[in-house]
Amino acid sequence: MAKAKDFKANGRIWIDGKEGAFLGYGRVELLEKIHELGSIRQAAQAMKMSYRQAWEFVKQMNEQTENPLVLMNVGGKGGGQTQLTEAGLRAIETFKSFNTAFQKFLDSYSKQLSF
């Protein structure tokens, strides 16, 4: 029979808005890649995601907030550029902070598990 120390509570978080999915692990990673690479297309490629899906995620996130998380400057000489706004950077940090607290809760609760 397994002892309590053999069990660990596990879970993942995501944040939903009124229109559905807003922020989760994948979307935070996408925001980080956009910040690093300056391009939705390059971020999508780095994540092995279609450009269309990455663009849809950005659009969904931007539409659910008062201030956009990502600014897109399309086309022009040398191509467009994409960058995270201050709101986008705060969203990443807020999610990571929330996730850290959630993981600590799971670790603490795991100590109470017994079956």
N, C-alpha and C. Protein backbone atom coordinates (compact mmCIF):
# COMPACT_ATOMS: atom_id res chain seq x y z
N MET A 1 0.85 -1.19 0.00
CA MET A 1 0.00 0.00 0.00
C MET A 1 0.89 1.25 0.00
N ALA A 2 0.52 2.22 -0.81
CA ALA A 2 1.31 3.45 -0.92
C ALA A 2 1.13 4.31 0.32
N LYS A 3 2.20 4.96 0.72
CA LYS A 3 2.15 5.88 1.85
C LYS A 3 1.90 7.28 1.33
N ALA A 4 1.51 8.18 2.22
CA ALA A 4 1.19 9.56 1.84
C ALA A 4 2.33 10.21 1.08
N LYS A 5 3.56 9.92 1.48
CA LYS A 5 4.69 10.56 0.82
C LYS A 5 4.85 10.10 -0.63
N ASP A 6 4.14 9.05 -1.01
CA ASP A 6 4.21 8.54 -2.37
C ASP A 6 3.28 9.28 -3.32
N PHE A 7 2.44 10.19 -2.80
CA PHE A 7 1.49 10.91 -3.63
C PHE A 7 1.86 12.39 -3.71
N LYS A 8 1.60 12.96 -4.86
CA LYS A 8 1.86 14.38 -5.05
C LYS A 8 0.71 14.96 -5.85
N ALA A 9 0.09 16.00 -5.31
CA ALA A 9 -0.95 16.70 -6.05
C ALA A 9 -0.30 17.40 -7.23
N ASN A 10 -0.97 17.38 -8.37
CA ASN A 10 -0.42 17.96 -9.58
C ASN A 10 -1.51 18.72 -10.30
N GLY A 11 -1.15 19.79 -10.96
CA GLY A 11 -2.14 20.54 -11.70
C GLY A 11 -1.51 21.66 -12.50
N ARG A 12 -2.27 22.16 -13.43
CA ARG A 12 -1.85 23.30 -14.25
C ARG A 12 -2.94 24.35 -14.17
N ILE A 13 -2.51 25.58 -14.27
CA ILE A 13 -3.49 26.66 -14.21
C ILE A 13 -3.61 27.36 -15.56
N TRP A 14 -4.72 27.97 -15.77
CA TRP A 14 -4.95 28.88 -16.88
C TRP A 14 -5.94 29.91 -16.39
N ILE A 15 -5.96 31.02 -17.05
CA ILE A 15 -6.85 32.11 -16.67
C ILE A 15 -7.82 32.33 -17.82
N ASP A 16 -9.10 32.29 -17.50
CA ASP A 16 -10.14 32.52 -18.49
C ASP A 16 -10.70 33.92 -18.34
N GLY A 17 -11.09 34.51 -19.46
CA GLY A 17 -11.80 35.78 -19.47
C GLY A 17 -13.25 35.52 -19.83
N LYS A 18 -14.01 36.57 -20.00
CA LYS A 18 -15.43 36.42 -20.35
C LYS A 18 -15.60 35.73 -21.69
N GLU A 19 -14.64 35.90 -22.59
CA GLU A 19 -14.73 35.28 -23.92
C GLU A 19 -13.99 33.95 -24.01
N GLY A 20 -13.58 33.39 -22.88
CA GLY A 20 -12.91 32.09 -22.90
C GLY A 20 -11.45 32.19 -22.49
N ALA A 21 -10.65 31.27 -23.03
CA ALA A 21 -9.25 31.16 -22.65
C ALA A 21 -8.52 32.49 -22.84
N PHE A 22 -7.77 32.86 -21.82
CA PHE A 22 -7.00 34.10 -21.88
C PHE A 22 -5.51 33.82 -21.76
N LEU A 23 -5.09 33.16 -20.68
CA LEU A 23 -3.67 32.99 -20.44
C LEU A 23 -3.41 31.63 -19.79
N GLY A 24 -2.41 30.94 -20.30
CA GLY A 24 -1.98 29.66 -19.76
C GLY A 24 -0.52 29.46 -20.12
N TYR A 25 0.01 28.28 -19.83
CA TYR A 25 1.42 28.01 -20.07
C TYR A 25 1.83 28.28 -21.52
N GLY A 26 1.06 27.77 -22.47
CA GLY A 26 1.41 27.94 -23.88
C GLY A 26 1.38 29.39 -24.33
N ARG A 27 0.38 30.11 -23.88
CA ARG A 27 0.27 31.51 -24.28
C ARG A 27 1.37 32.36 -23.64
N VAL A 28 1.74 32.02 -22.41
CA VAL A 28 2.85 32.75 -21.77
C VAL A 28 4.14 32.46 -22.53
N GLU A 29 4.35 31.21 -22.90
CA GLU A 29 5.54 30.88 -23.69
C GLU A 29 5.53 31.64 -25.02
N LEU A 30 4.37 31.73 -25.65
CA LEU A 30 4.25 32.48 -26.90
C LEU A 30 4.63 33.95 -26.69
N LEU A 31 4.11 34.56 -25.63
CA LEU A 31 4.46 35.96 -25.33
C LEU A 31 5.96 36.11 -25.10
N GLU A 32 6.56 35.18 -24.38
CA GLU A 32 8.00 35.24 -24.13
C GLU A 32 8.80 35.13 -25.43
N LYS A 33 8.37 34.24 -26.32
CA LYS A 33 9.06 34.07 -27.61
C LYS A 33 8.89 35.31 -28.48
N ILE A 34 7.71 35.90 -28.47
CA ILE A 34 7.50 37.14 -29.23
C ILE A 34 8.42 38.23 -28.70
N HIS A 35 8.52 38.33 -27.39
CA HIS A 35 9.40 39.34 -26.77
C HIS A 35 10.86 39.09 -27.17
N GLU A 36 11.25 37.84 -27.17
CA GLU A 36 12.64 37.47 -27.49
C GLU A 36 12.95 37.67 -28.98
N LEU A 37 12.01 37.29 -29.85
CA LEU A 37 12.29 37.24 -31.29
C LEU A 37 11.73 38.42 -32.08
N GLY A 38 10.79 39.16 -31.50
CA GLY A 38 10.22 40.32 -32.18
C GLY A 38 9.32 39.99 -33.35
N SER A 39 8.77 38.76 -33.36
CA SER A 39 7.97 38.32 -34.50
C SER A 39 7.03 37.21 -34.08
N ILE A 40 5.75 37.33 -34.46
CA ILE A 40 4.81 36.25 -34.19
C ILE A 40 5.18 35.03 -35.02
N ARG A 41 5.56 35.24 -36.27
CA ARG A 41 5.92 34.12 -37.15
C ARG A 41 7.11 33.34 -36.58
N GLN A 42 8.14 34.05 -36.17
CA GLN A 42 9.32 33.37 -35.62
C GLN A 42 9.01 32.69 -34.29
N ALA A 43 8.17 33.33 -33.47
CA ALA A 43 7.77 32.72 -32.20
C ALA A 43 7.00 31.44 -32.46
N ALA A 44 6.08 31.47 -33.43
CA ALA A 44 5.30 30.29 -33.78
C ALA A 44 6.22 29.16 -34.27
N GLN A 45 7.16 29.50 -35.13
CA GLN A 45 8.10 28.49 -35.64
C GLN A 45 8.91 27.88 -34.50
N ALA A 46 9.37 28.72 -33.57
CA ALA A 46 10.17 28.23 -32.45
C ALA A 46 9.37 27.27 -31.57
N MET A 47 8.06 27.48 -31.54
CA MET A 47 7.19 26.64 -30.72
C MET A 47 6.57 25.49 -31.52
N LYS A 48 6.91 25.39 -32.80
CA LYS A 48 6.33 24.38 -33.69
C LYS A 48 4.80 24.50 -33.72
N MET A 49 4.35 25.75 -33.85
CA MET A 49 2.94 26.10 -33.89
C MET A 49 2.69 26.80 -35.22
N SER A 50 1.48 26.69 -35.74
CA SER A 50 1.18 27.40 -36.98
C SER A 50 1.11 28.91 -36.70
N TYR A 51 1.47 29.68 -37.71
CA TYR A 51 1.38 31.14 -37.58
C TYR A 51 -0.06 31.54 -37.30
N ARG A 52 -0.99 30.90 -37.98
CA ARG A 52 -2.41 31.23 -37.80
C ARG A 52 -2.85 31.04 -36.36
N GLN A 53 -2.45 29.93 -35.75
CA GLN A 53 -2.83 29.68 -34.36
C GLN A 53 -2.19 30.70 -33.42
N ALA A 54 -0.91 31.01 -33.64
CA ALA A 54 -0.23 32.00 -32.81
C ALA A 54 -0.91 33.36 -32.95
N TRP A 55 -1.24 33.74 -34.17
CA TRP A 55 -1.90 35.01 -34.41
C TRP A 55 -3.26 35.05 -33.72
N GLU A 56 -4.01 33.93 -33.77
CA GLU A 56 -5.31 33.85 -33.10
C GLU A 56 -5.17 34.00 -31.59
N PHE A 57 -4.15 33.36 -31.01
CA PHE A 57 -3.92 33.48 -29.57
C PHE A 57 -3.64 34.93 -29.20
N VAL A 58 -2.79 35.59 -29.98
CA VAL A 58 -2.46 37.00 -29.71
C VAL A 58 -3.72 37.85 -29.83
N LYS A 59 -4.49 37.61 -30.87
CA LYS A 59 -5.73 38.37 -31.08
C LYS A 59 -6.69 38.18 -29.91
N GLN A 60 -6.87 36.94 -29.48
CA GLN A 60 -7.77 36.64 -28.36
C GLN A 60 -7.31 37.33 -27.08
N MET A 61 -6.02 37.29 -26.81
CA MET A 61 -5.50 37.95 -25.60
C MET A 61 -5.69 39.46 -25.69
N ASN A 62 -5.34 40.03 -26.83
CA ASN A 62 -5.46 41.48 -26.99
C ASN A 62 -6.90 41.96 -26.87
N GLU A 63 -7.85 41.17 -27.38
CA GLU A 63 -9.27 41.58 -27.35
C GLU A 63 -9.88 41.51 -25.96
N GLN A 64 -9.25 40.76 -25.05
CA GLN A 64 -9.82 40.59 -23.72
C GLN A 64 -9.26 41.57 -22.69
N THR A 65 -8.35 42.40 -23.09
CA THR A 65 -7.74 43.34 -22.15
C THR A 65 -7.99 44.78 -22.56
N GLU A 66 -7.96 45.66 -21.59
CA GLU A 66 -8.13 47.08 -21.86
C GLU A 66 -6.96 47.61 -22.70
N ASN A 67 -5.76 47.17 -22.36
CA ASN A 67 -4.55 47.55 -23.10
C ASN A 67 -3.99 46.30 -23.76
N PRO A 68 -3.62 46.37 -25.04
CA PRO A 68 -3.11 45.18 -25.73
C PRO A 68 -1.82 44.67 -25.08
N LEU A 69 -1.63 43.36 -25.16
CA LEU A 69 -0.41 42.74 -24.66
C LEU A 69 0.69 42.75 -25.72
N VAL A 70 0.26 42.74 -26.98
CA VAL A 70 1.19 42.67 -28.11
C VAL A 70 0.81 43.74 -29.12
N LEU A 71 1.82 44.48 -29.60
CA LEU A 71 1.63 45.45 -30.68
C LEU A 71 2.25 44.88 -31.94
N MET A 72 1.50 44.97 -33.03
CA MET A 72 1.97 44.46 -34.32
C MET A 72 2.05 45.59 -35.32
N ASN A 73 3.24 45.80 -35.87
CA ASN A 73 3.43 46.76 -36.96
C ASN A 73 3.65 45.94 -38.22
N VAL A 74 2.67 45.95 -39.09
CA VAL A 74 2.67 45.07 -40.26
C VAL A 74 3.47 45.66 -41.40
N GLY A 75 4.19 44.78 -42.12
CA GLY A 75 4.85 45.12 -43.38
C GLY A 75 5.85 46.24 -43.32
N GLY A 76 5.94 46.96 -44.44
CA GLY A 76 6.90 48.04 -44.53
C GLY A 76 8.25 47.54 -45.01
N LYS A 77 9.15 48.45 -45.20
CA LYS A 77 10.50 48.11 -45.66
C LYS A 77 11.20 47.26 -44.60
N GLY A 78 11.65 46.10 -44.99
CA GLY A 78 12.31 45.21 -44.04
C GLY A 78 11.36 44.37 -43.22
N GLY A 79 10.06 44.45 -43.50
CA GLY A 79 9.08 43.64 -42.79
C GLY A 79 8.53 44.32 -41.55
N GLY A 80 7.54 43.70 -40.96
CA GLY A 80 6.90 44.25 -39.76
C GLY A 80 7.67 43.90 -38.51
N GLN A 81 7.20 44.44 -37.42
CA GLN A 81 7.82 44.14 -36.13
C GLN A 81 6.72 43.97 -35.09
N THR A 82 6.94 43.08 -34.18
CA THR A 82 5.98 42.79 -33.13
C THR A 82 6.68 42.93 -31.79
N GLN A 83 6.00 43.57 -30.85
CA GLN A 83 6.62 43.73 -29.53
C GLN A 83 5.58 43.62 -28.42
N LEU A 84 6.05 43.19 -27.27
CA LEU A 84 5.19 43.16 -26.10
C LEU A 84 5.09 44.55 -25.50
N THR A 85 3.91 44.85 -24.99
CA THR A 85 3.70 46.11 -24.29
C THR A 85 4.04 45.89 -22.82
N GLU A 86 3.98 46.96 -22.05
CA GLU A 86 4.17 46.83 -20.60
C GLU A 86 3.11 45.89 -20.02
N ALA A 87 1.89 45.97 -20.56
CA ALA A 87 0.81 45.09 -20.11
C ALA A 87 1.16 43.63 -20.41
N GLY A 88 1.78 43.37 -21.55
CA GLY A 88 2.20 42.02 -21.91
C GLY A 88 3.26 41.49 -20.96
N LEU A 89 4.23 42.33 -20.65
CA LEU A 89 5.28 41.93 -19.71
C LEU A 89 4.70 41.68 -18.32
N ARG A 90 3.75 42.52 -17.89
CA ARG A 90 3.09 42.32 -16.59
C ARG A 90 2.28 41.03 -16.58
N ALA A 91 1.64 40.72 -17.71
CA ALA A 91 0.84 39.48 -17.80
C ALA A 91 1.73 38.26 -17.57
N ILE A 92 2.91 38.26 -18.17
CA ILE A 92 3.85 37.15 -17.98
C ILE A 92 4.22 37.03 -16.50
N GLU A 93 4.62 38.13 -15.91
CA GLU A 93 5.04 38.11 -14.50
C GLU A 93 3.91 37.74 -13.57
N THR A 94 2.71 38.24 -13.83
CA THR A 94 1.55 37.92 -13.00
C THR A 94 1.24 36.43 -13.07
N PHE A 95 1.26 35.88 -14.29
CA PHE A 95 0.99 34.46 -14.45
C PHE A 95 2.04 33.63 -13.73
N LYS A 96 3.31 33.98 -13.89
CA LYS A 96 4.38 33.21 -13.23
C LYS A 96 4.26 33.28 -11.72
N SER A 97 3.93 34.44 -11.19
CA SER A 97 3.76 34.59 -9.74
C SER A 97 2.58 33.75 -9.25
N PHE A 98 1.48 33.80 -9.97
CA PHE A 98 0.30 33.01 -9.62
C PHE A 98 0.62 31.53 -9.69
N ASN A 99 1.33 31.11 -10.72
CA ASN A 99 1.69 29.71 -10.87
C ASN A 99 2.61 29.24 -9.74
N THR A 100 3.56 30.08 -9.34
CA THR A 100 4.44 29.72 -8.23
C THR A 100 3.64 29.49 -6.96
N ALA A 101 2.70 30.38 -6.67
CA ALA A 101 1.84 30.24 -5.49
C ALA A 101 1.00 28.96 -5.59
N PHE A 102 0.49 28.68 -6.77
CA PHE A 102 -0.32 27.48 -6.99
C PHE A 102 0.51 26.22 -6.76
N GLN A 103 1.73 26.19 -7.29
CA GLN A 103 2.59 25.02 -7.10
C GLN A 103 2.94 24.83 -5.62
N LYS A 104 3.16 25.92 -4.90
CA LYS A 104 3.43 25.81 -3.46
C LYS A 104 2.22 25.24 -2.73
N PHE A 105 1.02 25.68 -3.13
CA PHE A 105 -0.20 25.13 -2.55
C PHE A 105 -0.28 23.62 -2.80
N LEU A 106 -0.01 23.20 -4.03
CA LEU A 106 -0.06 21.78 -4.35
C LEU A 106 0.95 20.99 -3.53
N ASP A 107 2.16 21.52 -3.41
CA ASP A 107 3.19 20.84 -2.62
C ASP A 107 2.75 20.72 -1.15
N SER A 108 2.20 21.79 -0.63
CA SER A 108 1.74 21.77 0.76
C SER A 108 0.60 20.79 0.93
N TYR A 109 -0.34 20.80 0.03
CA TYR A 109 -1.48 19.90 0.13
C TYR A 109 -1.06 18.45 -0.06
N SER A 110 -0.04 18.21 -0.85
CA SER A 110 0.44 16.85 -1.08
C SER A 110 0.84 16.17 0.22
N LYS A 111 1.37 16.94 1.16
CA LYS A 111 1.81 16.39 2.44
C LYS A 111 0.65 15.84 3.25
N GLN A 112 -0.57 16.28 2.93
CA GLN A 112 -1.75 15.84 3.66
C GLN A 112 -2.43 14.63 3.02
N LEU A 113 -1.98 14.23 1.86
CA LEU A 113 -2.63 13.14 1.14
C LEU A 113 -2.34 11.79 1.80
N SER A 114 -3.38 11.05 2.04
CA SER A 114 -3.23 9.67 2.50
C SER A 114 -4.45 8.91 2.04
N PHE A 115 -4.19 7.72 1.57
CA PHE A 115 -5.27 6.88 1.04
C PHE A 115 -5.16 5.48 1.60
